C-alpha cells in the first residue's frame, strides 16, 4: 500500500511541476512542448523498431528488414513489435493532428503538421495489420 502512495505522490508532484512550468509559457509554447513530447514518443518507438530489426542477424539492416517483413506472418514476436509501432504511430498522429486543430491560432511549420489524411492512413495501416494477423 505504501508503494502505491509513493507512486501517486510522485505522479502528483511531476504534474504539479509541469503545471508550474506551463504557467510561465504562452499557449503556443505549451503546444510546442506537447508536440515535442508526442514526436519523441514516435521517434523512440521507431528507433526501437529499427534496432529490433537490425538485431535480427549480423547482416546489414536492409537484409534484416527484408527478413522481418517476409517472416511477419509466421513470427508472432515480429507481429507484436510491428503492431506496437503502428499503434503508437496512430496515437501520436491523432494527438498531433488534434493538438493543432484545437489550437489553430498557433503558427505551425509545415513539417510539424499531421494531416487528417495521414491519420486516416495510419488508421488503415493498423486496421489492415489487425485484419491480416489477428483474424
Protein backbone atom coordinates (compact mmCIF):
# COMPACT_ATOMS: atom_id res chain seq x y z
CA UNK A 1 0.00 0.00 0.00
CA UNK A 2 2.84 2.38 0.84
CA UNK A 3 4.33 1.82 -2.63
CA UNK A 4 1.14 3.00 -4.35
CA UNK A 5 1.01 6.05 -2.12
CA UNK A 6 4.58 6.96 -3.07
CA UNK A 7 3.84 6.42 -6.76
CA UNK A 8 0.71 8.56 -6.54
CA UNK A 9 2.64 11.31 -4.72
CA UNK A 10 5.43 11.17 -7.31
CA UNK A 11 2.98 11.42 -10.19
CA UNK A 12 1.18 14.30 -8.49
CA UNK A 13 4.48 16.12 -7.94
CA UNK A 14 5.54 15.68 -11.58
CA UNK A 15 2.20 17.04 -12.79
CA UNK A 16 2.45 19.94 -10.32
CA UNK A 17 5.94 20.83 -11.62
CA UNK A 18 4.70 20.56 -15.20
CA UNK A 19 1.84 22.96 -14.42
CA UNK A 20 4.29 25.38 -12.81
CA UNK A 21 6.44 25.36 -15.94
CA UNK A 22 3.42 25.66 -18.22
CA UNK A 23 2.15 28.64 -16.22
CA UNK A 24 5.17 30.61 -17.44
CA UNK A 25 4.66 29.66 -21.10
CA UNK A 26 2.32 31.01 -23.72
CA UNK A 27 -0.39 28.75 -25.12
CA UNK A 28 1.67 28.24 -28.28
CA UNK A 29 4.80 27.39 -26.27
CA UNK A 30 2.84 24.78 -24.31
CA UNK A 31 1.54 23.44 -27.62
CA UNK A 32 5.11 23.19 -28.92
CA UNK A 33 6.19 21.34 -25.76
CA UNK A 34 3.32 18.87 -26.14
CA UNK A 35 4.19 18.39 -29.81
CA UNK A 36 7.79 17.61 -28.84
CA UNK A 37 6.61 15.01 -26.30
CA UNK A 38 4.46 13.29 -28.92
CA UNK A 39 7.23 13.44 -31.52
CA UNK A 40 9.74 11.97 -29.08
CA UNK A 41 7.37 9.10 -28.33
CA UNK A 42 7.14 8.24 -32.03
CA UNK A 43 10.89 8.73 -32.53
CA UNK A 44 11.67 6.36 -29.64
CA UNK A 45 9.24 3.73 -30.89
CA UNK A 46 10.65 3.98 -34.43
CA UNK A 47 14.16 3.69 -33.05
CA UNK A 48 13.20 0.59 -31.03
CA UNK A 49 11.62 -0.99 -34.11
CA UNK A 50 14.71 -0.31 -36.22
CA UNK A 51 17.01 -1.62 -33.51
CA UNK A 52 14.88 -4.77 -33.19
CA UNK A 53 15.06 -5.30 -36.95
CA UNK A 54 18.80 -4.63 -37.07
CA UNK A 55 19.38 -7.17 -34.27
CA UNK A 56 17.72 -10.00 -36.23
CA UNK A 57 21.04 -11.06 -37.68
CA UNK A 58 24.61 -9.87 -38.18
CA UNK A 59 23.68 -9.00 -41.77
CA UNK A 60 23.05 -5.42 -42.83
CA UNK A 61 19.84 -3.72 -41.77
CA UNK A 62 18.32 -3.85 -45.27
CA UNK A 63 18.59 -7.63 -45.35
CA UNK A 64 17.19 -7.83 -41.80
CA UNK A 65 14.30 -5.56 -42.80
CA UNK A 66 13.50 -7.86 -45.74
CA UNK A 67 13.55 -10.87 -43.42
CA UNK A 68 11.41 -9.07 -40.84
CA UNK A 69 8.60 -8.33 -43.26
CA UNK A 70 8.93 -11.62 -45.14
CA UNK A 71 8.67 -13.64 -41.91
CA UNK A 72 5.97 -11.47 -40.32
CA UNK A 73 3.19 -13.97 -40.95
CA UNK A 74 4.88 -16.82 -39.08
CA UNK A 75 6.66 -14.86 -36.35
CA UNK A 76 4.47 -13.59 -33.51
CA UNK A 77 7.31 -11.57 -31.97
CA UNK A 78 7.66 -9.63 -35.20
CA UNK A 79 3.92 -9.09 -35.30
CA UNK A 80 3.83 -7.79 -31.74
CA UNK A 81 6.72 -5.38 -32.27
CA UNK A 82 5.30 -4.03 -35.51
CA UNK A 83 1.77 -3.74 -34.13
CA UNK A 84 3.11 -1.72 -31.20
CA UNK A 85 4.82 0.63 -33.65
CA UNK A 86 1.61 1.03 -35.69
CA UNK A 87 -0.43 1.72 -32.53
CA UNK A 88 1.99 4.34 -31.26
CA UNK A 89 2.18 5.93 -34.70
CA UNK A 90 -1.61 6.21 -34.90
CA UNK A 91 -1.85 7.57 -31.37
CA UNK A 92 0.86 10.18 -31.96
CA UNK A 93 -0.52 11.23 -35.35
CA UNK A 94 -4.03 11.56 -33.90
CA UNK A 95 -2.80 13.56 -30.92
CA UNK A 96 -0.68 15.93 -33.00
CA UNK A 97 -3.49 16.43 -35.51
CA UNK A 98 -5.94 17.22 -32.68
CA UNK A 99 -3.40 19.43 -30.93
CA UNK A 100 -3.06 21.70 -33.93
CA UNK A 101 -6.75 21.55 -34.89
CA UNK A 102 -7.68 22.69 -31.38
CA UNK A 103 -5.07 25.48 -31.39
CA UNK A 104 -5.33 26.99 -34.84
CA UNK A 105 -4.12 30.38 -33.57
CA UNK A 106 -0.61 29.00 -33.16
CA UNK A 107 1.63 29.12 -36.21
CA UNK A 108 2.81 25.67 -37.19
CA UNK A 109 5.67 24.95 -39.53
CA UNK A 110 4.73 22.59 -42.34
CA UNK A 111 6.91 19.72 -41.15
CA UNK A 112 5.07 19.62 -37.82
CA UNK A 113 1.61 19.26 -39.26
CA UNK A 114 -0.07 15.90 -39.33
CA UNK A 115 -2.95 15.99 -41.77
CA UNK A 116 -6.24 14.18 -41.36
CA UNK A 117 -5.20 12.08 -44.36
CA UNK A 118 -2.05 10.95 -42.53
CA UNK A 119 -4.17 9.98 -39.51
CA UNK A 120 -6.53 8.03 -41.77
CA UNK A 121 -3.58 6.30 -43.43
CA UNK A 122 -2.18 5.32 -40.02
CA UNK A 123 -5.65 4.02 -39.01
CA UNK A 124 -5.84 1.99 -42.22
CA UNK A 125 -2.34 0.56 -41.77
CA UNK A 126 -3.19 -0.61 -38.24
CA UNK A 127 -6.61 -1.90 -39.30
CA UNK A 128 -5.11 -3.81 -42.24
CA UNK A 129 -2.45 -5.29 -39.97
CA UNK A 130 -5.03 -6.42 -37.40
CA UNK A 131 -7.25 -7.89 -40.12
CA UNK A 132 -4.36 -9.80 -41.61
CA UNK A 133 -2.66 -11.10 -38.47
CA UNK A 134 -5.29 -11.25 -35.75
CA UNK A 135 -8.24 -12.79 -37.56
